């Protein structure tokens, strides 16, 4: 069964759950992005916690790249290293 055109939420409109969470956070005066930024910049916090906060925040300014598949119609090549060339 298809929905009639124009039914449902318009793109970008938050659903009821998202709207409810936004309203609760606003009533509490809580800004999660600001809180993460403060944690990330706090040198008294562990580097692990600071890194996790920075990693999360980075998604808002530098979106994750999709994986790129590389293929070739040519035969695979082999690199041979002689024992004389190998150094450990």
PDB file of N, CA and C in Angstrom:
ATOM      1  N   UNK A   1       0.841  -1.174   0.000  1.00  0.00           N
ATOM      2  CA  UNK A   1       0.000   0.000   0.000  1.00  0.00           C
ATOM      3  C   UNK A   1       0.891   1.244   0.000  1.00  0.00           C
ATOM      4  N   UNK A   2       0.700   2.097  -0.964  1.00  0.00           N
ATOM      5  CA  UNK A   2       1.500   3.315  -1.064  1.00  0.00           C
ATOM      6  C   UNK A   2       0.840   4.446  -0.303  1.00  0.00           C
ATOM      7  N   UNK A   3       1.710   5.302   0.247  1.00  0.00           N
ATOM      8  CA  UNK A   3       1.201   6.473   0.952  1.00  0.00           C
ATOM      9  C   UNK A   3       0.858   7.545  -0.077  1.00  0.00           C
ATOM     10  N   UNK A   4      -0.169   8.314   0.210  1.00  0.00           N
ATOM     11  CA  UNK A   4      -0.498   9.401  -0.716  1.00  0.00           C
ATOM     12  C   UNK A   4       0.613  10.458  -0.704  1.00  0.00           C
ATOM     13  N   UNK A   5       0.828  11.111  -1.832  1.00  0.00           N
ATOM     14  CA  UNK A   5       1.860  12.142  -1.891  1.00  0.00           C
ATOM     15  C   UNK A   5       1.618  13.226  -0.842  1.00  0.00           C
ATOM     16  N   UNK A   6       2.698  13.664  -0.226  1.00  0.00           N
ATOM     17  CA  UNK A   6       2.598  14.730   0.768  1.00  0.00           C
ATOM     18  C   UNK A   6       2.307  14.250   2.172  1.00  0.00           C
ATOM     19  N   UNK A   7       2.155  12.926   2.359  1.00  0.00           N
ATOM     20  CA  UNK A   7       1.883  12.430   3.707  1.00  0.00           C
ATOM     21  C   UNK A   7       3.202  12.231   4.455  1.00  0.00           C
ATOM     22  N   UNK A   8       3.131  12.236   5.748  1.00  0.00           N
ATOM     23  CA  UNK A   8       4.323  12.035   6.567  1.00  0.00           C
ATOM     24  C   UNK A   8       5.063  13.333   6.836  1.00  0.00           C
ATOM     25  N   UNK A   9       6.190  13.191   7.547  1.00  0.00           N
ATOM     26  CA  UNK A   9       6.992  14.370   7.887  1.00  0.00           C
ATOM     27  C   UNK A   9       7.766  14.861   6.675  1.00  0.00           C
ATOM     28  N   UNK A  10       7.988  16.141   6.640  1.00  0.00           N
ATOM     29  CA  UNK A  10       8.839  16.700   5.595  1.00  0.00           C
ATOM     30  C   UNK A  10      10.285  16.421   5.967  1.00  0.00           C
ATOM     31  N   UNK A  11      11.153  16.334   4.972  1.00  0.00           N
ATOM     32  CA  UNK A  11      12.568  16.065   5.209  1.00  0.00           C
ATOM     33  C   UNK A  11      13.145  17.101   6.162  1.00  0.00           C
ATOM     34  N   UNK A  12      13.901  16.615   7.156  1.00  0.00           N
ATOM     35  CA  UNK A  12      14.534  17.520   8.106  1.00  0.00           C
ATOM     36  C   UNK A  12      13.708  17.805   9.343  1.00  0.00           C
ATOM     37  N   UNK A  13      12.453  17.372   9.359  1.00  0.00           N
ATOM     38  CA  UNK A  13      11.595  17.585  10.525  1.00  0.00           C
ATOM     39  C   UNK A  13      11.876  16.479  11.536  1.00  0.00           C
ATOM     40  N   UNK A  14      12.232  16.840  12.775  1.00  0.00           N
ATOM     41  CA  UNK A  14      12.531  15.798  13.764  1.00  0.00           C
ATOM     42  C   UNK A  14      11.288  14.996  14.142  1.00  0.00           C
ATOM     43  N   UNK A  15      11.503  13.711  14.450  1.00  0.00           N
ATOM     44  CA  UNK A  15      10.369  12.884  14.881  1.00  0.00           C
ATOM     45  C   UNK A  15      10.027  13.216  16.338  1.00  0.00           C
ATOM     46  N   UNK A  16       8.975  12.608  16.873  1.00  0.00           N
ATOM     47  CA  UNK A  16       8.512  12.933  18.224  1.00  0.00           C
ATOM     48  C   UNK A  16       9.577  12.643  19.274  1.00  0.00           C
ATOM     49  N   UNK A  17      10.254  11.542  19.138  1.00  0.00           N
ATOM     50  CA  UNK A  17      11.283  11.157  20.123  1.00  0.00           C
ATOM     51  C   UNK A  17      12.423  12.167  20.123  1.00  0.00           C
ATOM     52  N   UNK A  18      12.919  12.504  18.948  1.00  0.00           N
ATOM     53  CA  UNK A  18      14.010  13.471  18.840  1.00  0.00           C
ATOM     54  C   UNK A  18      13.583  14.822  19.396  1.00  0.00           C
ATOM     55  N   UNK A  19      12.381  15.258  19.061  1.00  0.00           N
ATOM     56  CA  UNK A  19      11.868  16.542  19.540  1.00  0.00           C
ATOM     57  C   UNK A  19      11.767  16.539  21.067  1.00  0.00           C
ATOM     58  N   UNK A  20      11.306  15.424  21.634  1.00  0.00           N
ATOM     59  CA  UNK A  20      11.170  15.304  23.080  1.00  0.00           C
ATOM     60  C   UNK A  20      12.536  15.405  23.767  1.00  0.00           C
ATOM     61  N   UNK A  21      13.527  14.732  23.217  1.00  0.00           N
ATOM     62  CA  UNK A  21      14.882  14.778  23.786  1.00  0.00           C
ATOM     63  C   UNK A  21      15.446  16.191  23.693  1.00  0.00           C
ATOM     64  N   UNK A  22      15.264  16.836  22.560  1.00  0.00           N
ATOM     65  CA  UNK A  22      15.743  18.212  22.393  1.00  0.00           C
ATOM     66  C   UNK A  22      15.099  19.136  23.429  1.00  0.00           C
ATOM     67  N   UNK A  23      13.797  18.975  23.658  1.00  0.00           N
ATOM     68  CA  UNK A  23      13.082  19.815  24.620  1.00  0.00           C
ATOM     69  C   UNK A  23      13.585  19.579  26.041  1.00  0.00           C
ATOM     70  N   UNK A  24      13.819  18.313  26.407  1.00  0.00           N
ATOM     71  CA  UNK A  24      14.327  17.997  27.749  1.00  0.00           C
ATOM     72  C   UNK A  24      15.712  18.591  27.956  1.00  0.00           C
ATOM     73  N   UNK A  25      16.593  18.436  26.977  1.00  0.00           N
ATOM     74  CA  UNK A  25      17.946  18.995  27.099  1.00  0.00           C
ATOM     75  C   UNK A  25      17.902  20.513  27.222  1.00  0.00           C
ATOM     76  N   UNK A  26      17.036  21.138  26.444  1.00  0.00           N
ATOM     77  CA  UNK A  26      16.908  22.592  26.497  1.00  0.00           C
ATOM     78  C   UNK A  26      16.396  23.039  27.869  1.00  0.00           C
ATOM     79  N   UNK A  27      15.412  22.326  28.423  1.00  0.00           N
ATOM     80  CA  UNK A  27      14.864  22.663  29.741  1.00  0.00           C
ATOM     81  C   UNK A  27      15.933  22.536  30.827  1.00  0.00           C
ATOM     82  N   UNK A  28      16.858  21.595  30.661  1.00  0.00           N
ATOM     83  CA  UNK A  28      17.942  21.399  31.623  1.00  0.00           C
ATOM     84  C   UNK A  28      19.107  22.358  31.389  1.00  0.00           C
ATOM     85  N   UNK A  29      19.073  23.060  30.266  1.00  0.00           N
ATOM     86  CA  UNK A  29      20.194  23.941  29.929  1.00  0.00           C
ATOM     87  C   UNK A  29      21.420  23.140  29.520  1.00  0.00           C
ATOM     88  N   UNK A  30      21.209  21.985  28.935  1.00  0.00           N
ATOM     89  CA  UNK A  30      22.299  21.084  28.552  1.00  0.00           C
ATOM     90  C   UNK A  30      22.534  21.135  27.046  1.00  0.00           C
ATOM     91  N   UNK A  31      23.764  21.422  26.670  1.00  0.00           N
ATOM     92  CA  UNK A  31      24.173  21.416  25.263  1.00  0.00           C
ATOM     93  C   UNK A  31      25.249  20.344  25.115  1.00  0.00           C
ATOM     94  N   UNK A  32      24.897  19.156  24.598  1.00  0.00           N
ATOM     95  CA  UNK A  32      25.850  18.052  24.523  1.00  0.00           C
ATOM     96  C   UNK A  32      27.089  18.371  23.690  1.00  0.00           C
ATOM     97  N   UNK A  33      26.940  19.147  22.638  1.00  0.00           N
ATOM     98  CA  UNK A  33      28.092  19.493  21.802  1.00  0.00           C
ATOM     99  C   UNK A  33      29.053  20.362  22.606  1.00  0.00           C
ATOM    100  N   UNK A  34      28.521  21.335  23.311  1.00  0.00           N
ATOM    101  CA  UNK A  34      29.367  22.201  24.143  1.00  0.00           C
ATOM    102  C   UNK A  34      30.058  21.384  25.234  1.00  0.00           C
ATOM    103  N   UNK A  35      29.329  20.456  25.851  1.00  0.00           N
ATOM    104  CA  UNK A  35      29.907  19.629  26.907  1.00  0.00           C
ATOM    105  C   UNK A  35      31.050  18.766  26.365  1.00  0.00           C
ATOM    106  N   UNK A  36      30.860  18.182  25.192  1.00  0.00           N
ATOM    107  CA  UNK A  36      31.936  17.384  24.586  1.00  0.00           C
ATOM    108  C   UNK A  36      33.143  18.241  24.262  1.00  0.00           C
ATOM    109  N   UNK A  37      32.894  19.441  23.767  1.00  0.00           N
ATOM    110  CA  UNK A  37      33.993  20.348  23.432  1.00  0.00           C
ATOM    111  C   UNK A  37      34.761  20.731  24.691  1.00  0.00           C
ATOM    112  N   UNK A  38      34.054  20.980  25.777  1.00  0.00           N
ATOM    113  CA  UNK A  38      34.734  21.316  27.036  1.00  0.00           C
ATOM    114  C   UNK A  38      35.590  20.146  27.524  1.00  0.00           C
ATOM    115  N   UNK A  39      35.053  18.917  27.434  1.00  0.00           N
ATOM    116  CA  UNK A  39      35.831  17.727  27.820  1.00  0.00           C
ATOM    117  C   UNK A  39      37.068  17.586  26.943  1.00  0.00           C
ATOM    118  N   UNK A  40      36.891  17.791  25.648  1.00  0.00           N
ATOM    119  CA  UNK A  40      38.005  17.635  24.709  1.00  0.00           C
ATOM    120  C   UNK A  40      39.123  18.630  24.985  1.00  0.00           C
ATOM    121  N   UNK A  41      38.772  19.805  25.468  1.00  0.00           N
ATOM    122  CA  UNK A  41      39.766  20.853  25.703  1.00  0.00           C
ATOM    123  C   UNK A  41      40.330  20.847  27.129  1.00  0.00           C
ATOM    124  N   UNK A  42      39.775  20.033  28.011  1.00  0.00           N
ATOM    125  CA  UNK A  42      40.196  20.001  29.416  1.00  0.00           C
ATOM    126  C   UNK A  42      41.441  19.137  29.579  1.00  0.00           C
ATOM    127  N   UNK A  43      42.569  19.770  29.803  1.00  0.00           N
ATOM    128  CA  UNK A  43      43.836  19.043  29.930  1.00  0.00           C
ATOM    129  C   UNK A  43      43.911  18.199  31.199  1.00  0.00           C
ATOM    130  N   UNK A  44      42.978  18.386  32.139  1.00  0.00           N
ATOM    131  CA  UNK A  44      42.946  17.576  33.355  1.00  0.00           C
ATOM    132  C   UNK A  44      42.255  16.233  33.128  1.00  0.00           C
ATOM    133  N   UNK A  45      41.548  16.090  32.007  1.00  0.00           N
ATOM    134  CA  UNK A  45      40.882  14.821  31.675  1.00  0.00           C
ATOM    135  C   UNK A  45      41.892  13.864  31.041  1.00  0.00           C
ATOM    136  N   UNK A  46      41.551  12.587  31.053  1.00  0.00           N
ATOM    137  CA  UNK A  46      42.444  11.587  30.451  1.00  0.00           C
ATOM    138  C   UNK A  46      42.516  11.792  28.939  1.00  0.00           C
ATOM    139  N   UNK A  47      43.639  11.417  28.377  1.00  0.00           N
ATOM    140  CA  UNK A  47      43.793  11.571  26.928  1.00  0.00           C
ATOM    141  C   UNK A  47      42.808  10.685  26.180  1.00  0.00           C
ATOM    142  N   UNK A  48      42.443   9.551  26.759  1.00  0.00           N
ATOM    143  CA  UNK A  48      41.479   8.646  26.127  1.00  0.00           C
ATOM    144  C   UNK A  48      40.105   9.315  26.010  1.00  0.00           C
ATOM    145  N   UNK A  49      39.667   9.948  27.086  1.00  0.00           N
ATOM    146  CA  UNK A  49      38.372  10.632  27.070  1.00  0.00           C
ATOM    147  C   UNK A  49      38.407  11.828  26.130  1.00  0.00           C
ATOM    148  N   UNK A  50      39.501  12.575  26.169  1.00  0.00           N
ATOM    149  CA  UNK A  50      39.623  13.745  25.293  1.00  0.00           C
ATOM    150  C   UNK A  50      39.601  13.317  23.823  1.00  0.00           C
ATOM    151  N   UNK A  51      40.319  12.233  23.508  1.00  0.00           N
ATOM    152  CA  UNK A  51      40.341  11.734  22.125  1.00  0.00           C
ATOM    153  C   UNK A  51      38.947  11.305  21.684  1.00  0.00           C
ATOM    154  N   UNK A  52      38.224  10.601  22.554  1.00  0.00           N
ATOM    155  CA  UNK A  52      36.872  10.139  22.203  1.00  0.00           C
ATOM    156  C   UNK A  52      35.957  11.333  21.920  1.00  0.00           C
ATOM    157  N   UNK A  53      36.065  12.385  22.721  1.00  0.00           N
ATOM    158  CA  UNK A  53      35.240  13.574  22.511  1.00  0.00           C
ATOM    159  C   UNK A  53      35.615  14.261  21.197  1.00  0.00           C
ATOM    160  N   UNK A  54      36.909  14.379  20.932  1.00  0.00           N
ATOM    161  CA  UNK A  54      37.350  15.006  19.682  1.00  0.00           C
ATOM    162  C   UNK A  54      36.918  14.195  18.470  1.00  0.00           C
ATOM    163  N   UNK A  55      37.015  12.882  18.581  1.00  0.00           N
ATOM    164  CA  UNK A  55      36.607  11.998  17.482  1.00  0.00           C
ATOM    165  C   UNK A  55      35.121  12.172  17.178  1.00  0.00           C
ATOM    166  N   UNK A  56      34.320  12.266  18.223  1.00  0.00           N
ATOM    167  CA  UNK A  56      32.878  12.450  18.040  1.00  0.00           C
ATOM    168  C   UNK A  56      32.583  13.813  17.416  1.00  0.00           C
ATOM    169  N   UNK A  57      33.239  14.850  17.904  1.00  0.00           N
ATOM    170  CA  UNK A  57      33.015  16.203  17.391  1.00  0.00           C
ATOM    171  C   UNK A  57      33.494  16.352  15.951  1.00  0.00           C
ATOM    172  N   UNK A  58      34.542  15.638  15.582  1.00  0.00           N
ATOM    173  CA  UNK A  58      35.100  15.757  14.230  1.00  0.00           C
ATOM    174  C   UNK A  58      34.076  15.418  13.161  1.00  0.00           C
ATOM    175  N   UNK A  59      33.136  14.552  13.480  1.00  0.00           N
ATOM    176  CA  UNK A  59      32.112  14.161  12.499  1.00  0.00           C
ATOM    177  C   UNK A  59      31.247  15.340  12.060  1.00  0.00           C
ATOM    178  N   UNK A  60      31.180  16.368  12.883  1.00  0.00           N
ATOM    179  CA  UNK A  60      30.354  17.523  12.547  1.00  0.00           C
ATOM    180  C   UNK A  60      31.064  18.509  11.631  1.00  0.00           C
ATOM    181  N   UNK A  61      32.383  18.427  11.563  1.00  0.00           N
ATOM    182  CA  UNK A  61      33.130  19.354  10.712  1.00  0.00           C
ATOM    183  C   UNK A  61      33.838  18.659   9.562  1.00  0.00           C
ATOM    184  N   UNK A  62      34.058  17.353   9.663  1.00  0.00           N
ATOM    185  CA  UNK A  62      34.723  16.588   8.608  1.00  0.00           C
ATOM    186  C   UNK A  62      34.024  15.242   8.479  1.00  0.00           C
ATOM    187  N   UNK A  63      33.033  15.140   7.597  1.00  0.00           N
ATOM    188  CA  UNK A  63      32.285  13.888   7.474  1.00  0.00           C
ATOM    189  C   UNK A  63      33.181  12.714   7.108  1.00  0.00           C
ATOM    190  N   UNK A  64      32.779  11.534   7.569  1.00  0.00           N
ATOM    191  CA  UNK A  64      33.534  10.320   7.258  1.00  0.00           C
ATOM    192  C   UNK A  64      33.477  10.055   5.760  1.00  0.00           C
ATOM    193  N   UNK A  65      34.580   9.600   5.229  1.00  0.00           N
ATOM    194  CA  UNK A  65      34.640   9.260   3.802  1.00  0.00           C
ATOM    195  C   UNK A  65      34.180   7.823   3.610  1.00  0.00           C
ATOM    196  N   UNK A  66      33.564   7.572   2.484  1.00  0.00           N
ATOM    197  CA  UNK A  66      33.151   6.217   2.154  1.00  0.00           C
ATOM    198  C   UNK A  66      34.359   5.440   1.640  1.00  0.00           C
ATOM    199  N   UNK A  67      34.326   4.137   1.833  1.00  0.00           N
ATOM    200  CA  UNK A  67      35.390   3.284   1.331  1.00  0.00           C
ATOM    201  C   UNK A  67      35.382   3.314  -0.193  1.00  0.00           C
ATOM    202  N   UNK A  68      36.561   3.264  -0.775  1.00  0.00           N
ATOM    203  CA  UNK A  68      36.694   3.268  -2.228  1.00  0.00           C
ATOM    204  C   UNK A  68      37.325   1.949  -2.639  1.00  0.00           C
ATOM    205  N   UNK A  69      36.685   1.273  -3.559  1.00  0.00           N
ATOM    206  CA  UNK A  69      37.222   0.006  -4.042  1.00  0.00           C
ATOM    207  C   UNK A  69      38.117   0.274  -5.242  1.00  0.00           C
ATOM    208  N   UNK A  70      39.303  -0.314  -5.203  1.00  0.00           N
ATOM    209  CA  UNK A  70      40.251  -0.151  -6.299  1.00  0.00           C
ATOM    210  C   UNK A  70      40.358  -1.492  -7.010  1.00  0.00           C
ATOM    211  N   UNK A  71      40.188  -1.466  -8.322  1.00  0.00           N
ATOM    212  CA  UNK A  71      40.320  -2.701  -9.082  1.00  0.00           C
ATOM    213  C   UNK A  71      41.093  -2.411 -10.357  1.00  0.00           C
ATOM    214  N   UNK A  72      41.647  -3.472 -10.913  1.00  0.00           N
ATOM    215  CA  UNK A  72      42.435  -3.318 -12.124  1.00  0.00           C
ATOM    216  C   UNK A  72      42.184  -4.510 -13.034  1.00  0.00           C
ATOM    217  N   UNK A  73      42.144  -4.253 -14.327  1.00  0.00           N
ATOM    218  CA  UNK A  73      41.950  -5.326 -15.291  1.00  0.00           C
ATOM    219  C   UNK A  73      43.273  -6.024 -15.585  1.00  0.00           C
ATOM    220  N   UNK A  74      44.374  -5.426 -15.147  1.00  0.00           N
ATOM    221  CA  UNK A  74      45.693  -5.995 -15.406  1.00  0.00           C
ATOM    222  C   UNK A  74      45.994  -7.094 -14.399  1.00  0.00           C
ATOM    223  N   UNK A  75      46.962  -7.915 -14.759  1.00  0.00           N
ATOM    224  CA  UNK A  75      47.406  -8.983 -13.868  1.00  0.00           C
ATOM    225  C   UNK A  75      48.035  -8.368 -12.625  1.00  0.00           C
ATOM    226  N   UNK A  76      47.899  -9.014 -11.466  1.00  0.00           N
ATOM    227  CA  UNK A  76      48.568  -8.504 -10.266  1.00  0.00           C
ATOM    228  C   UNK A  76      50.079  -8.607 -10.432  1.00  0.00           C
ATOM    229  N   UNK A  77      50.789  -7.722  -9.785  1.00  0.00           N
ATOM    230  CA  UNK A  77      52.245  -7.758  -9.883  1.00  0.00           C
ATOM    231  C   UNK A  77      52.828  -8.275  -8.579  1.00  0.00           C
ATOM    232  N   UNK A  78      54.046  -8.779  -8.666  1.00  0.00           N
ATOM    233  CA  UNK A  78      54.725  -9.351  -7.511  1.00  0.00           C
ATOM    234  C   UNK A  78      56.029  -8.603  -7.314  1.00  0.00           C
ATOM    235  N   UNK A  79      56.321  -8.256  -6.085  1.00  0.00           N
ATOM    236  CA  UNK A  79      57.590  -7.607  -5.757  1.00  0.00           C
ATOM    237  C   UNK A  79      58.478  -8.673  -5.139  1.00  0.00           C
ATOM    238  N   UNK A  80      59.634  -8.836  -5.701  1.00  0.00           N
ATOM    239  CA  UNK A  80      60.584  -9.823  -5.194  1.00  0.00           C
ATOM    240  C   UNK A  80      61.754  -9.074  -4.573  1.00  0.00           C
ATOM    241  N   UNK A  81      62.055  -9.408  -3.329  1.00  0.00           N
ATOM    242  CA  UNK A  81      63.186  -8.799  -2.641  1.00  0.00           C
ATOM    243  C   UNK A  81      64.208  -9.890  -2.399  1.00  0.00           C
ATOM    244  N   UNK A  82      65.394  -9.663  -2.889  1.00  0.00           N
ATOM    245  CA  UNK A  82      66.439 -10.665  -2.690  1.00  0.00           C
ATOM    246  C   UNK A  82      66.972 -10.538  -1.263  1.00  0.00           C
ATOM    247  N   UNK A  83      67.546 -11.612  -0.731  1.00  0.00           N
ATOM    248  CA  UNK A  83      68.088 -11.574   0.635  1.00  0.00           C
ATOM    249  C   UNK A  83      69.137 -10.458   0.808  1.00  0.00           C
ATOM    250  N   UNK A  84      69.838 -10.122  -0.249  1.00  0.00           N
ATOM    251  CA  UNK A  84      70.847  -9.072  -0.147  1.00  0.00           C
ATOM    252  C   UNK A  84      70.207  -7.704   0.072  1.00  0.00           C
ATOM    253  N   UNK A  85      68.992  -7.515  -0.471  1.00  0.00           N
ATOM    254  CA  UNK A  85      68.310  -6.228  -0.353  1.00  0.00           C
ATOM    255  C   UNK A  85      67.527  -6.088   0.946  1.00  0.00           C
ATOM    256  N   UNK A  86      67.186  -7.220   1.561  1.00  0.00           N
ATOM    257  CA  UNK A  86      66.364  -7.188   2.771  1.00  0.00           C
ATOM    258  C   UNK A  86      67.200  -6.821   3.981  1.00  0.00           C
ATOM    259  N   UNK A  87      66.720  -5.879   4.758  1.00  0.00           N
ATOM    260  CA  UNK A  87      67.383  -5.510   6.009  1.00  0.00           C
ATOM    261  C   UNK A  87      66.344  -5.526   7.099  1.00  0.00           C
ATOM    262  N   UNK A  88      66.741  -5.951   8.263  1.00  0.00           N
ATOM    263  CA  UNK A  88      65.806  -6.000   9.389  1.00  0.00           C
ATOM    264  C   UNK A  88      66.173  -4.980  10.419  1.00  0.00           C
TER     265      UNK A  88
END
